């Protein structure tokens, strides 16, 4: 099963404050452990929403709005794509993650991805 682990953005990440070197090192070690275990398939951090845009769909109309996405309550600051045997295994790996936003309350979200067999 494939899962996505999403690191939710915080005020500091949306302000463009980069993690301290200690957190970058701990996150690097965690990602290496995931990779060596055959769990991590991909992963990246995202720049603040002020660097992006939002495309809104309304019927056939498309509206592009420059960031930041201030009206959104939850934004994603980064992600990892995992391949695990079960949700329980993904949760166990998620609990081992270094706190992604020290000094602030933060959380990660783990969700399964749809696979082709889900549509049969």
PDB file of N, CA and C in Angstrom:
ATOM      1  N   UNK A   1       0.838  -1.173   0.000  1.00  0.00           N
ATOM      2  CA  UNK A   1       0.000   0.000   0.000  1.00  0.00           C
ATOM      3  C   UNK A   1       0.887   1.242   0.000  1.00  0.00           C
ATOM      4  N   UNK A   2       0.428   2.248  -0.718  1.00  0.00           N
ATOM      5  CA  UNK A   2       1.164   3.506  -0.725  1.00  0.00           C
ATOM      6  C   UNK A   2       0.428   4.530   0.132  1.00  0.00           C
ATOM      7  N   UNK A   3       1.215   5.346   0.803  1.00  0.00           N
ATOM      8  CA  UNK A   3       0.692   6.381   1.690  1.00  0.00           C
ATOM      9  C   UNK A   3       1.432   7.675   1.414  1.00  0.00           C
ATOM     10  N   UNK A   4       0.758   8.777   1.699  1.00  0.00           N
ATOM     11  CA  UNK A   4       1.436  10.067   1.690  1.00  0.00           C
ATOM     12  C   UNK A   4       1.420  10.592   3.114  1.00  0.00           C
ATOM     13  N   UNK A   5       2.577  11.030   3.553  1.00  0.00           N
ATOM     14  CA  UNK A   5       2.714  11.675   4.851  1.00  0.00           C
ATOM     15  C   UNK A   5       2.887  13.155   4.538  1.00  0.00           C
ATOM     16  N   UNK A   6       1.951  13.954   5.005  1.00  0.00           N
ATOM     17  CA  UNK A   6       2.008  15.392   4.735  1.00  0.00           C
ATOM     18  C   UNK A   6       2.330  16.139   6.023  1.00  0.00           C
ATOM     19  N   UNK A   7       3.321  17.002   5.950  1.00  0.00           N
ATOM     20  CA  UNK A   7       3.685  17.858   7.069  1.00  0.00           C
ATOM     21  C   UNK A   7       2.878  19.135   6.918  1.00  0.00           C
ATOM     22  N   UNK A   8       2.052  19.422   7.897  1.00  0.00           N
ATOM     23  CA  UNK A   8       1.228  20.629   7.816  1.00  0.00           C
ATOM     24  C   UNK A   8       2.083  21.863   8.086  1.00  0.00           C
ATOM     25  N   UNK A   9       1.783  22.920   7.354  1.00  0.00           N
ATOM     26  CA  UNK A   9       2.499  24.187   7.500  1.00  0.00           C
ATOM     27  C   UNK A   9       2.117  24.861   8.819  1.00  0.00           C
ATOM     28  N   UNK A  10       3.003  25.722   9.278  1.00  0.00           N
ATOM     29  CA  UNK A  10       2.770  26.533  10.473  1.00  0.00           C
ATOM     30  C   UNK A  10       3.056  27.988  10.124  1.00  0.00           C
ATOM     31  N   UNK A  11       2.846  28.869  11.073  1.00  0.00           N
ATOM     32  CA  UNK A  11       3.139  30.283  10.829  1.00  0.00           C
ATOM     33  C   UNK A  11       4.606  30.473  10.437  1.00  0.00           C
ATOM     34  N   UNK A  12       5.501  29.765  11.111  1.00  0.00           N
ATOM     35  CA  UNK A  12       6.932  29.915  10.795  1.00  0.00           C
ATOM     36  C   UNK A  12       7.268  29.385   9.414  1.00  0.00           C
ATOM     37  N   UNK A  13       6.735  28.232   9.035  1.00  0.00           N
ATOM     38  CA  UNK A  13       7.056  27.698   7.701  1.00  0.00           C
ATOM     39  C   UNK A  13       6.447  28.578   6.612  1.00  0.00           C
ATOM     40  N   UNK A  14       5.260  29.095   6.849  1.00  0.00           N
ATOM     41  CA  UNK A  14       4.628  29.999   5.877  1.00  0.00           C
ATOM     42  C   UNK A  14       5.365  31.331   5.799  1.00  0.00           C
ATOM     43  N   UNK A  15       6.082  31.701   6.866  1.00  0.00           N
ATOM     44  CA  UNK A  15       6.885  32.928   6.851  1.00  0.00           C
ATOM     45  C   UNK A  15       8.221  32.695   6.149  1.00  0.00           C
ATOM     46  N   UNK A  16       8.473  31.451   5.732  1.00  0.00           N
ATOM     47  CA  UNK A  16       9.709  31.150   5.016  1.00  0.00           C
ATOM     48  C   UNK A  16      10.894  30.883   5.920  1.00  0.00           C
ATOM     49  N   UNK A  17      10.645  30.713   7.224  1.00  0.00           N
ATOM     50  CA  UNK A  17      11.746  30.422   8.146  1.00  0.00           C
ATOM     51  C   UNK A  17      12.200  28.984   7.934  1.00  0.00           C
ATOM     52  N   UNK A  18      13.461  28.815   7.611  1.00  0.00           N
ATOM     53  CA  UNK A  18      14.008  27.486   7.366  1.00  0.00           C
ATOM     54  C   UNK A  18      14.294  26.775   8.686  1.00  0.00           C
ATOM     55  N   UNK A  19      14.212  25.449   8.690  1.00  0.00           N
ATOM     56  CA  UNK A  19      14.513  24.693   9.911  1.00  0.00           C
ATOM     57  C   UNK A  19      15.953  24.896  10.351  1.00  0.00           C
ATOM     58  N   UNK A  20      16.189  24.742  11.640  1.00  0.00           N
ATOM     59  CA  UNK A  20      17.543  24.826  12.174  1.00  0.00           C
ATOM     60  C   UNK A  20      18.367  23.653  11.650  1.00  0.00           C
ATOM     61  N   UNK A  21      19.683  23.824  11.603  1.00  0.00           N
ATOM     62  CA  UNK A  21      20.555  22.745  11.104  1.00  0.00           C
ATOM     63  C   UNK A  21      20.355  21.418  11.837  1.00  0.00           C
ATOM     64  N   UNK A  22      20.093  21.467  13.150  1.00  0.00           N
ATOM     65  CA  UNK A  22      19.887  20.236  13.921  1.00  0.00           C
ATOM     66  C   UNK A  22      18.654  19.480  13.421  1.00  0.00           C
ATOM     67  N   UNK A  23      17.582  20.208  13.112  1.00  0.00           N
ATOM     68  CA  UNK A  23      16.376  19.563  12.609  1.00  0.00           C
ATOM     69  C   UNK A  23      16.605  19.021  11.203  1.00  0.00           C
ATOM     70  N   UNK A  24      17.307  19.777  10.374  1.00  0.00           N
ATOM     71  CA  UNK A  24      17.618  19.291   9.033  1.00  0.00           C
ATOM     72  C   UNK A  24      18.420  17.985   9.109  1.00  0.00           C
ATOM     73  N   UNK A  25      19.371  17.915  10.031  1.00  0.00           N
ATOM     74  CA  UNK A  25      20.181  16.703  10.184  1.00  0.00           C
ATOM     75  C   UNK A  25      19.314  15.544  10.680  1.00  0.00           C
ATOM     76  N   UNK A  26      18.465  15.793  11.670  1.00  0.00           N
ATOM     77  CA  UNK A  26      17.593  14.734  12.200  1.00  0.00           C
ATOM     78  C   UNK A  26      16.614  14.251  11.137  1.00  0.00           C
ATOM     79  N   UNK A  27      16.079  15.172  10.364  1.00  0.00           N
ATOM     80  CA  UNK A  27      15.149  14.809   9.293  1.00  0.00           C
ATOM     81  C   UNK A  27      15.870  14.017   8.207  1.00  0.00           C
ATOM     82  N   UNK A  28      17.091  14.395   7.905  1.00  0.00           N
ATOM     83  CA  UNK A  28      17.889  13.655   6.935  1.00  0.00           C
ATOM     84  C   UNK A  28      18.141  12.224   7.390  1.00  0.00           C
ATOM     85  N   UNK A  29      18.462  12.055   8.679  1.00  0.00           N
ATOM     86  CA  UNK A  29      18.677  10.701   9.221  1.00  0.00           C
ATOM     87  C   UNK A  29      17.396   9.877   9.148  1.00  0.00           C
ATOM     88  N   UNK A  30      16.267  10.496   9.488  1.00  0.00           N
ATOM     89  CA  UNK A  30      14.962   9.820   9.436  1.00  0.00           C
ATOM     90  C   UNK A  30      14.634   9.404   8.001  1.00  0.00           C
ATOM     91  N   UNK A  31      14.832  10.292   7.054  1.00  0.00           N
ATOM     92  CA  UNK A  31      14.562   9.977   5.652  1.00  0.00           C
ATOM     93  C   UNK A  31      15.477   8.854   5.151  1.00  0.00           C
ATOM     94  N   UNK A  32      16.734   8.871   5.580  1.00  0.00           N
ATOM     95  CA  UNK A  32      17.668   7.803   5.196  1.00  0.00           C
ATOM     96  C   UNK A  32      17.212   6.459   5.774  1.00  0.00           C
ATOM     97  N   UNK A  33      16.753   6.473   7.014  1.00  0.00           N
ATOM     98  CA  UNK A  33      16.249   5.246   7.636  1.00  0.00           C
ATOM     99  C   UNK A  33      15.023   4.711   6.878  1.00  0.00           C
ATOM    100  N   UNK A  34      14.125   5.613   6.496  1.00  0.00           N
ATOM    101  CA  UNK A  34      12.954   5.222   5.703  1.00  0.00           C
ATOM    102  C   UNK A  34      13.367   4.636   4.358  1.00  0.00           C
ATOM    103  N   UNK A  35      14.347   5.257   3.724  1.00  0.00           N
ATOM    104  CA  UNK A  35      14.821   4.793   2.419  1.00  0.00           C
ATOM    105  C   UNK A  35      15.467   3.421   2.542  1.00  0.00           C
ATOM    106  N   UNK A  36      16.339   3.242   3.539  1.00  0.00           N
ATOM    107  CA  UNK A  36      17.020   1.962   3.726  1.00  0.00           C
ATOM    108  C   UNK A  36      16.041   0.836   4.047  1.00  0.00           C
ATOM    109  N   UNK A  37      14.927   1.172   4.691  1.00  0.00           N
ATOM    110  CA  UNK A  37      13.904   0.173   5.018  1.00  0.00           C
ATOM    111  C   UNK A  37      12.997  -0.118   3.828  1.00  0.00           C
ATOM    112  N   UNK A  38      13.185   0.612   2.718  1.00  0.00           N
ATOM    113  CA  UNK A  38      12.346   0.406   1.537  1.00  0.00           C
ATOM    114  C   UNK A  38      10.974   1.050   1.644  1.00  0.00           C
ATOM    115  N   UNK A  39      10.818   1.967   2.589  1.00  0.00           N
ATOM    116  CA  UNK A  39       9.525   2.623   2.834  1.00  0.00           C
ATOM    117  C   UNK A  39       9.373   3.884   1.985  1.00  0.00           C
ATOM    118  N   UNK A  40      10.375   4.764   2.018  1.00  0.00           N
ATOM    119  CA  UNK A  40      10.255   6.072   1.368  1.00  0.00           C
ATOM    120  C   UNK A  40      10.493   5.956  -0.134  1.00  0.00           C
ATOM    121  N   UNK A  41       9.519   6.429  -0.891  1.00  0.00           N
ATOM    122  CA  UNK A  41       9.593   6.430  -2.343  1.00  0.00           C
ATOM    123  C   UNK A  41       9.974   7.809  -2.884  1.00  0.00           C
ATOM    124  N   UNK A  42       9.576   8.862  -2.178  1.00  0.00           N
ATOM    125  CA  UNK A  42       9.877  10.247  -2.566  1.00  0.00           C
ATOM    126  C   UNK A  42       9.569  11.145  -1.375  1.00  0.00           C
ATOM    127  N   UNK A  43      10.095  12.345  -1.401  1.00  0.00           N
ATOM    128  CA  UNK A  43       9.795  13.307  -0.348  1.00  0.00           C
ATOM    129  C   UNK A  43      10.443  14.640  -0.636  1.00  0.00           C
ATOM    130  N   UNK A  44       9.740  15.691  -0.311  1.00  0.00           N
ATOM    131  CA  UNK A  44      10.243  17.049  -0.549  1.00  0.00           C
ATOM    132  C   UNK A  44       9.582  18.017   0.421  1.00  0.00           C
ATOM    133  N   UNK A  45      10.271  19.131   0.660  1.00  0.00           N
ATOM    134  CA  UNK A  45       9.680  20.243   1.371  1.00  0.00           C
ATOM    135  C   UNK A  45       9.109  21.219   0.355  1.00  0.00           C
ATOM    136  N   UNK A  46       8.100  21.951   0.758  1.00  0.00           N
ATOM    137  CA  UNK A  46       7.477  22.931  -0.130  1.00  0.00           C
ATOM    138  C   UNK A  46       7.788  24.337   0.355  1.00  0.00           C
ATOM    139  N   UNK A  47       8.012  25.237  -0.583  1.00  0.00           N
ATOM    140  CA  UNK A  47       8.181  26.643  -0.241  1.00  0.00           C
ATOM    141  C   UNK A  47       6.834  27.185   0.244  1.00  0.00           C
ATOM    142  N   UNK A  48       6.833  28.311   0.952  1.00  0.00           N
ATOM    143  CA  UNK A  48       5.585  28.892   1.449  1.00  0.00           C
ATOM    144  C   UNK A  48       4.593  29.166   0.318  1.00  0.00           C
ATOM    145  N   UNK A  49       3.310  29.179   0.683  1.00  0.00           N
ATOM    146  CA  UNK A  49       2.264  29.403  -0.318  1.00  0.00           C
ATOM    147  C   UNK A  49       2.396  30.765  -0.996  1.00  0.00           C
ATOM    148  N   UNK A  50       3.125  31.698  -0.395  1.00  0.00           N
ATOM    149  CA  UNK A  50       3.343  33.001  -1.035  1.00  0.00           C
ATOM    150  C   UNK A  50       4.162  32.863  -2.320  1.00  0.00           C
ATOM    151  N   UNK A  51       4.844  31.750  -2.491  1.00  0.00           N
ATOM    152  CA  UNK A  51       5.617  31.499  -3.702  1.00  0.00           C
ATOM    153  C   UNK A  51       4.817  30.775  -4.778  1.00  0.00           C
ATOM    154  N   UNK A  52       3.585  30.436  -4.485  1.00  0.00           N
ATOM    155  CA  UNK A  52       2.776  29.666  -5.427  1.00  0.00           C
ATOM    156  C   UNK A  52       1.519  30.386  -5.849  1.00  0.00           C
ATOM    157  N   UNK A  53       0.685  29.658  -6.531  1.00  0.00           N
ATOM    158  CA  UNK A  53      -0.610  30.165  -6.975  1.00  0.00           C
ATOM    159  C   UNK A  53      -1.671  29.112  -6.689  1.00  0.00           C
ATOM    160  N   UNK A  54      -2.901  29.529  -6.747  1.00  0.00           N
ATOM    161  CA  UNK A  54      -4.036  28.618  -6.635  1.00  0.00           C
ATOM    162  C   UNK A  54      -4.861  28.767  -7.901  1.00  0.00           C
ATOM    163  N   UNK A  55      -5.218  27.635  -8.500  1.00  0.00           N
ATOM    164  CA  UNK A  55      -6.105  27.630  -9.662  1.00  0.00           C
ATOM    165  C   UNK A  55      -7.471  27.170  -9.172  1.00  0.00           C
ATOM    166  N   UNK A  56      -8.474  28.018  -9.334  1.00  0.00           N
ATOM    167  CA  UNK A  56      -9.836  27.718  -8.898  1.00  0.00           C
ATOM    168  C   UNK A  56     -10.680  27.358 -10.110  1.00  0.00           C
ATOM    169  N   UNK A  57     -11.430  26.256  -9.988  1.00  0.00           N
ATOM    170  CA  UNK A  57     -12.277  25.765 -11.068  1.00  0.00           C
ATOM    171  C   UNK A  57     -13.729  26.059 -10.738  1.00  0.00           C
ATOM    172  N   UNK A  58     -14.445  26.627 -11.692  1.00  0.00           N
ATOM    173  CA  UNK A  58     -15.879  26.852 -11.574  1.00  0.00           C
ATOM    174  C   UNK A  58     -16.473  26.560 -12.946  1.00  0.00           C
ATOM    175  N   UNK A  59     -16.984  25.341 -13.125  1.00  0.00           N
ATOM    176  CA  UNK A  59     -17.443  24.927 -14.448  1.00  0.00           C
ATOM    177  C   UNK A  59     -16.274  24.922 -15.406  1.00  0.00           C
ATOM    178  N   UNK A  60     -16.378  25.675 -16.490  1.00  0.00           N
ATOM    179  CA  UNK A  60     -15.286  25.740 -17.466  1.00  0.00           C
ATOM    180  C   UNK A  60     -14.342  26.917 -17.205  1.00  0.00           C
ATOM    181  N   UNK A  61     -14.655  27.728 -16.202  1.00  0.00           N
ATOM    182  CA  UNK A  61     -13.839  28.895 -15.874  1.00  0.00           C
ATOM    183  C   UNK A  61     -12.688  28.514 -14.944  1.00  0.00           C
ATOM    184  N   UNK A  62     -11.508  29.098 -15.203  1.00  0.00           N
ATOM    185  CA  UNK A  62     -10.323  28.917 -14.361  1.00  0.00           C
ATOM    186  C   UNK A  62      -9.855  30.282 -13.895  1.00  0.00           C
ATOM    187  N   UNK A  63      -9.646  30.401 -12.593  1.00  0.00           N
ATOM    188  CA  UNK A  63      -9.149  31.645 -12.025  1.00  0.00           C
ATOM    189  C   UNK A  63      -7.847  31.349 -11.296  1.00  0.00           C
ATOM    190  N   UNK A  64      -6.808  32.112 -11.616  1.00  0.00           N
ATOM    191  CA  UNK A  64      -5.511  31.946 -10.969  1.00  0.00           C
ATOM    192  C   UNK A  64      -5.341  33.063  -9.948  1.00  0.00           C
ATOM    193  N   UNK A  65      -5.042  32.675  -8.704  1.00  0.00           N
ATOM    194  CA  UNK A  65      -4.839  33.630  -7.621  1.00  0.00           C
ATOM    195  C   UNK A  65      -3.430  33.449  -7.081  1.00  0.00           C
ATOM    196  N   UNK A  66      -2.678  34.538  -7.030  1.00  0.00           N
ATOM    197  CA  UNK A  66      -1.338  34.475  -6.464  1.00  0.00           C
ATOM    198  C   UNK A  66      -1.420  34.190  -4.972  1.00  0.00           C
ATOM    199  N   UNK A  67      -0.405  33.450  -4.450  1.00  0.00           N
ATOM    200  CA  UNK A  67      -0.306  33.204  -3.021  1.00  0.00           C
ATOM    201  C   UNK A  67       0.047  34.487  -2.294  1.00  0.00           C
ATOM    202  N   UNK A  68      -0.009  34.525  -1.003  1.00  0.00           N
ATOM    203  CA  UNK A  68      -0.224  33.372  -0.137  1.00  0.00           C
ATOM    204  C   UNK A  68      -1.683  32.966  -0.064  1.00  0.00           C
ATOM    205  N   UNK A  69      -1.894  31.743   0.359  1.00  0.00           N
ATOM    206  CA  UNK A  69      -3.250  31.193   0.482  1.00  0.00           C
ATOM    207  C   UNK A  69      -3.750  31.435   1.898  1.00  0.00           C
ATOM    208  N   UNK A  70      -3.972  32.700   2.219  1.00  0.00           N
ATOM    209  CA  UNK A  70      -4.315  33.079   3.592  1.00  0.00           C
ATOM    210  C   UNK A  70      -5.696  32.598   4.022  1.00  0.00           C
ATOM    211  N   UNK A  71      -6.593  32.367   3.068  1.00  0.00           N
ATOM    212  CA  UNK A  71      -7.939  31.938   3.438  1.00  0.00           C
ATOM    213  C   UNK A  71      -8.004  30.447   3.759  1.00  0.00           C
ATOM    214  N   UNK A  72      -6.931  29.730   3.479  1.00  0.00           N
ATOM    215  CA  UNK A  72      -6.884  28.304   3.759  1.00  0.00           C
ATOM    216  C   UNK A  72      -6.412  28.082   5.184  1.00  0.00           C
ATOM    217  N   UNK A  73      -7.118  27.222   5.917  1.00  0.00           N
ATOM    218  CA  UNK A  73      -6.743  26.975   7.303  1.00  0.00           C
ATOM    219  C   UNK A  73      -5.554  26.033   7.417  1.00  0.00           C
ATOM    220  N   UNK A  74      -5.475  25.035   6.543  1.00  0.00           N
ATOM    221  CA  UNK A  74      -4.366  24.087   6.610  1.00  0.00           C
ATOM    222  C   UNK A  74      -3.665  24.010   5.266  1.00  0.00           C
ATOM    223  N   UNK A  75      -2.354  24.175   5.303  1.00  0.00           N
ATOM    224  CA  UNK A  75      -1.516  24.085   4.108  1.00  0.00           C
ATOM    225  C   UNK A  75      -0.472  22.999   4.335  1.00  0.00           C
ATOM    226  N   UNK A  76       0.038  22.458   3.268  1.00  0.00           N
ATOM    227  CA  UNK A  76       1.067  21.429   3.340  1.00  0.00           C
ATOM    228  C   UNK A  76       2.435  22.087   3.191  1.00  0.00           C
ATOM    229  N   UNK A  77       3.368  21.725   4.079  1.00  0.00           N
ATOM    230  CA  UNK A  77       4.727  22.272   4.020  1.00  0.00           C
ATOM    231  C   UNK A  77       5.708  21.280   3.410  1.00  0.00           C
ATOM    232  N   UNK A  78       5.318  20.020   3.341  1.00  0.00           N
ATOM    233  CA  UNK A  78       6.194  19.000   2.778  1.00  0.00           C
ATOM    234  C   UNK A  78       5.474  17.665   2.743  1.00  0.00           C
ATOM    235  N   UNK A  79       6.097  16.696   2.096  1.00  0.00           N
ATOM    236  CA  UNK A  79       5.466  15.382   1.982  1.00  0.00           C
ATOM    237  C   UNK A  79       6.520  14.300   1.825  1.00  0.00           C
ATOM    238  N   UNK A  80       6.118  13.083   2.129  1.00  0.00           N
ATOM    239  CA  UNK A  80       6.898  11.886   1.829  1.00  0.00           C
ATOM    240  C   UNK A  80       5.930  10.859   1.270  1.00  0.00           C
ATOM    241  N   UNK A  81       6.345  10.182   0.228  1.00  0.00           N
ATOM    242  CA  UNK A  81       5.553   9.106  -0.347  1.00  0.00           C
ATOM    243  C   UNK A  81       6.146   7.796   0.150  1.00  0.00           C
ATOM    244  N   UNK A  82       5.304   6.976   0.780  1.00  0.00           N
ATOM    245  CA  UNK A  82       5.760   5.740   1.399  1.00  0.00           C
ATOM    246  C   UNK A  82       5.091   4.533   0.777  1.00  0.00           C
ATOM    247  N   UNK A  83       5.763   3.400   0.896  1.00  0.00           N
ATOM    248  CA  UNK A  83       5.165   2.111   0.556  1.00  0.00           C
ATOM    249  C   UNK A  83       5.276   1.251   1.812  1.00  0.00           C
ATOM    250  N   UNK A  84       4.142   0.945   2.413  1.00  0.00           N
ATOM    251  CA  UNK A  84       4.093   0.175   3.653  1.00  0.00           C
ATOM    252  C   UNK A  84       3.127  -0.995   3.478  1.00  0.00           C
ATOM    253  N   UNK A  85       3.219  -1.939   4.374  1.00  0.00           N
ATOM    254  CA  UNK A  85       2.335  -3.097   4.331  1.00  0.00           C
ATOM    255  C   UNK A  85       0.926  -2.769   4.825  1.00  0.00           C
ATOM    256  N   UNK A  86       0.806  -1.737   5.685  1.00  0.00           N
ATOM    257  CA  UNK A  86      -0.491  -1.417   6.279  1.00  0.00           C
ATOM    258  C   UNK A  86      -0.483   0.005   6.819  1.00  0.00           C
ATOM    259  N   UNK A  87      -1.662   0.497   7.145  1.00  0.00           N
ATOM    260  CA  UNK A  87      -1.774   1.806   7.792  1.00  0.00           C
ATOM    261  C   UNK A  87      -1.063   1.783   9.139  1.00  0.00           C
ATOM    262  N   UNK A  88      -1.162   0.675   9.836  1.00  0.00           N
ATOM    263  CA  UNK A  88      -0.518   0.562  11.143  1.00  0.00           C
ATOM    264  C   UNK A  88       0.999   0.730  11.027  1.00  0.00           C
ATOM    265  N   UNK A  89       1.598   0.135   9.982  1.00  0.00           N
ATOM    266  CA  UNK A  89       3.032   0.300   9.773  1.00  0.00           C
ATOM    267  C   UNK A  89       3.359   1.760   9.462  1.00  0.00           C
ATOM    268  N   UNK A  90       2.531   2.400   8.636  1.00  0.00           N
ATOM    269  CA  UNK A  90       2.746   3.815   8.309  1.00  0.00           C
ATOM    270  C   UNK A  90       2.658   4.677   9.570  1.00  0.00           C
ATOM    271  N   UNK A  91       1.720   4.358  10.438  1.00  0.00           N
ATOM    272  CA  UNK A  91       1.577   5.121  11.696  1.00  0.00           C
ATOM    273  C   UNK A  91       2.832   4.963  12.547  1.00  0.00           C
ATOM    274  N   UNK A  92       3.347   3.740  12.641  1.00  0.00           N
ATOM    275  CA  UNK A  92       4.556   3.515  13.433  1.00  0.00           C
ATOM    276  C   UNK A  92       5.734   4.322  12.887  1.00  0.00           C
ATOM    277  N   UNK A  93       5.878   4.378  11.565  1.00  0.00           N
ATOM    278  CA  UNK A  93       6.939   5.203  10.979  1.00  0.00           C
ATOM    279  C   UNK A  93       6.667   6.679  11.249  1.00  0.00           C
ATOM    280  N   UNK A  94       5.414   7.110  11.139  1.00  0.00           N
ATOM    281  CA  UNK A  94       5.070   8.505  11.392  1.00  0.00           C
ATOM    282  C   UNK A  94       5.394   8.946  12.805  1.00  0.00           C
ATOM    283  N   UNK A  95       5.206   8.063  13.763  1.00  0.00           N
ATOM    284  CA  UNK A  95       5.493   8.396  15.164  1.00  0.00           C
ATOM    285  C   UNK A  95       6.991   8.554  15.417  1.00  0.00           C
ATOM    286  N   UNK A  96       7.820   8.030  14.529  1.00  0.00           N
ATOM    287  CA  UNK A  96       9.267   8.144  14.670  1.00  0.00           C
ATOM    288  C   UNK A  96       9.805   9.442  14.066  1.00  0.00           C
ATOM    289  N   UNK A  97       8.979  10.177  13.359  1.00  0.00           N
ATOM    290  CA  UNK A  97       9.404  11.405  12.690  1.00  0.00           C
ATOM    291  C   UNK A  97       9.851  12.439  13.714  1.00  0.00           C
ATOM    292  N   UNK A  98      10.982  13.103  13.470  1.00  0.00           N
ATOM    293  CA  UNK A  98      11.339  14.229  14.341  1.00  0.00           C
ATOM    294  C   UNK A  98      10.242  15.292  14.264  1.00  0.00           C
ATOM    295  N   UNK A  99      10.029  16.001  15.362  1.00  0.00           N
ATOM    296  CA  UNK A  99       9.018  17.063  15.361  1.00  0.00           C
ATOM    297  C   UNK A  99       9.334  18.018  14.214  1.00  0.00           C
ATOM    298  N   UNK A 100       8.445  18.121  13.204  1.00  0.00           N
ATOM    299  CA  UNK A 100       8.777  18.925  12.022  1.00  0.00           C
ATOM    300  C   UNK A 100       8.821  20.428  12.277  1.00  0.00           C
ATOM    301  N   UNK A 101       8.199  20.884  13.350  1.00  0.00           N
ATOM    302  CA  UNK A 101       8.144  22.324  13.618  1.00  0.00           C
ATOM    303  C   UNK A 101       8.404  22.589  15.102  1.00  0.00           C
ATOM    304  N   UNK A 102       9.645  22.377  15.570  1.00  0.00           N
ATOM    305  CA  UNK A 102       9.935  22.601  16.991  1.00  0.00           C
ATOM    306  C   UNK A 102       9.558  24.012  17.421  1.00  0.00           C
ATOM    307  N   UNK A 103       9.067  24.133  18.632  1.00  0.00           N
ATOM    308  CA  UNK A 103       8.680  25.431  19.153  1.00  0.00           C
ATOM    309  C   UNK A 103       7.251  25.814  18.802  1.00  0.00           C
ATOM    310  N   UNK A 104       6.604  25.022  17.954  1.00  0.00           N
ATOM    311  CA  UNK A 104       5.213  25.270  17.584  1.00  0.00           C
ATOM    312  C   UNK A 104       4.471  23.943  17.645  1.00  0.00           C
ATOM    313  N   UNK A 105       3.182  23.995  17.909  1.00  0.00           N
ATOM    314  CA  UNK A 105       2.383  22.794  17.752  1.00  0.00           C
ATOM    315  C   UNK A 105       2.379  22.451  16.270  1.00  0.00           C
ATOM    316  N   UNK A 106       2.563  21.190  15.965  1.00  0.00           N
ATOM    317  CA  UNK A 106       2.589  20.777  14.564  1.00  0.00           C
ATOM    318  C   UNK A 106       2.068  19.358  14.459  1.00  0.00           C
ATOM    319  N   UNK A 107       1.717  18.977  13.255  1.00  0.00           N
ATOM    320  CA  UNK A 107       1.285  17.607  13.046  1.00  0.00           C
ATOM    321  C   UNK A 107       1.567  17.173  11.624  1.00  0.00           C
ATOM    322  N   UNK A 108       1.507  15.864  11.438  1.00  0.00           N
ATOM    323  CA  UNK A 108       1.599  15.286  10.109  1.00  0.00           C
ATOM    324  C   UNK A 108       0.312  14.517   9.867  1.00  0.00           C
ATOM    325  N   UNK A 109      -0.018  14.369   8.620  1.00  0.00           N
ATOM    326  CA  UNK A 109      -1.202  13.604   8.230  1.00  0.00           C
ATOM    327  C   UNK A 109      -0.733  12.458   7.350  1.00  0.00           C
ATOM    328  N   UNK A 110      -1.245  11.275   7.619  1.00  0.00           N
ATOM    329  CA  UNK A 110      -0.895  10.089   6.836  1.00  0.00           C
ATOM    330  C   UNK A 110      -2.173   9.589   6.170  1.00  0.00           C
ATOM    331  N   UNK A 111      -2.137   9.515   4.841  1.00  0.00           N
ATOM    332  CA  UNK A 111      -3.321   9.064   4.103  1.00  0.00           C
ATOM    333  C   UNK A 111      -2.932   8.067   3.034  1.00  0.00           C
ATOM    334  N   UNK A 112      -3.765   7.032   2.854  1.00  0.00           N
ATOM    335  CA  UNK A 112      -3.490   6.078   1.778  1.00  0.00           C
ATOM    336  C   UNK A 112      -3.795   6.709   0.427  1.00  0.00           C
ATOM    337  N   UNK A 113      -3.036   6.265  -0.574  1.00  0.00           N
ATOM    338  CA  UNK A 113      -3.288   6.695  -1.948  1.00  0.00           C
ATOM    339  C   UNK A 113      -4.212   5.681  -2.607  1.00  0.00           C
ATOM    340  N   UNK A 114      -5.009   6.127  -3.541  1.00  0.00           N
ATOM    341  CA  UNK A 114      -5.801   5.204  -4.343  1.00  0.00           C
ATOM    342  C   UNK A 114      -4.862   4.397  -5.213  1.00  0.00           C
ATOM    343  N   UNK A 115      -5.155   3.126  -5.350  1.00  0.00           N
ATOM    344  CA  UNK A 115      -4.433   2.235  -6.255  1.00  0.00           C
ATOM    345  C   UNK A 115      -5.408   1.818  -7.343  1.00  0.00           C
ATOM    346  N   UNK A 116      -4.904   1.328  -8.461  1.00  0.00           N
ATOM    347  CA  UNK A 116      -5.767   0.942  -9.574  1.00  0.00           C
ATOM    348  C   UNK A 116      -6.823  -0.086  -9.157  1.00  0.00           C
ATOM    349  N   UNK A 117      -6.467  -1.016  -8.287  1.00  0.00           N
ATOM    350  CA  UNK A 117      -7.439  -2.034  -7.869  1.00  0.00           C
ATOM    351  C   UNK A 117      -8.608  -1.450  -7.072  1.00  0.00           C
ATOM    352  N   UNK A 118      -8.454  -0.237  -6.540  1.00  0.00           N
ATOM    353  CA  UNK A 118      -9.558   0.420  -5.840  1.00  0.00           C
ATOM    354  C   UNK A 118     -10.686   0.783  -6.803  1.00  0.00           C
ATOM    355  N   UNK A 119     -10.395   0.878  -8.086  1.00  0.00           N
ATOM    356  CA  UNK A 119     -11.385   1.314  -9.073  1.00  0.00           C
ATOM    357  C   UNK A 119     -12.019   0.152  -9.824  1.00  0.00           C
ATOM    358  N   UNK A 120     -11.716  -1.058  -9.431  1.00  0.00           N
ATOM    359  CA  UNK A 120     -12.270  -2.224 -10.120  1.00  0.00           C
ATOM    360  C   UNK A 120     -13.480  -2.747  -9.402  1.00  0.00           C
TER     361      UNK A 120
END
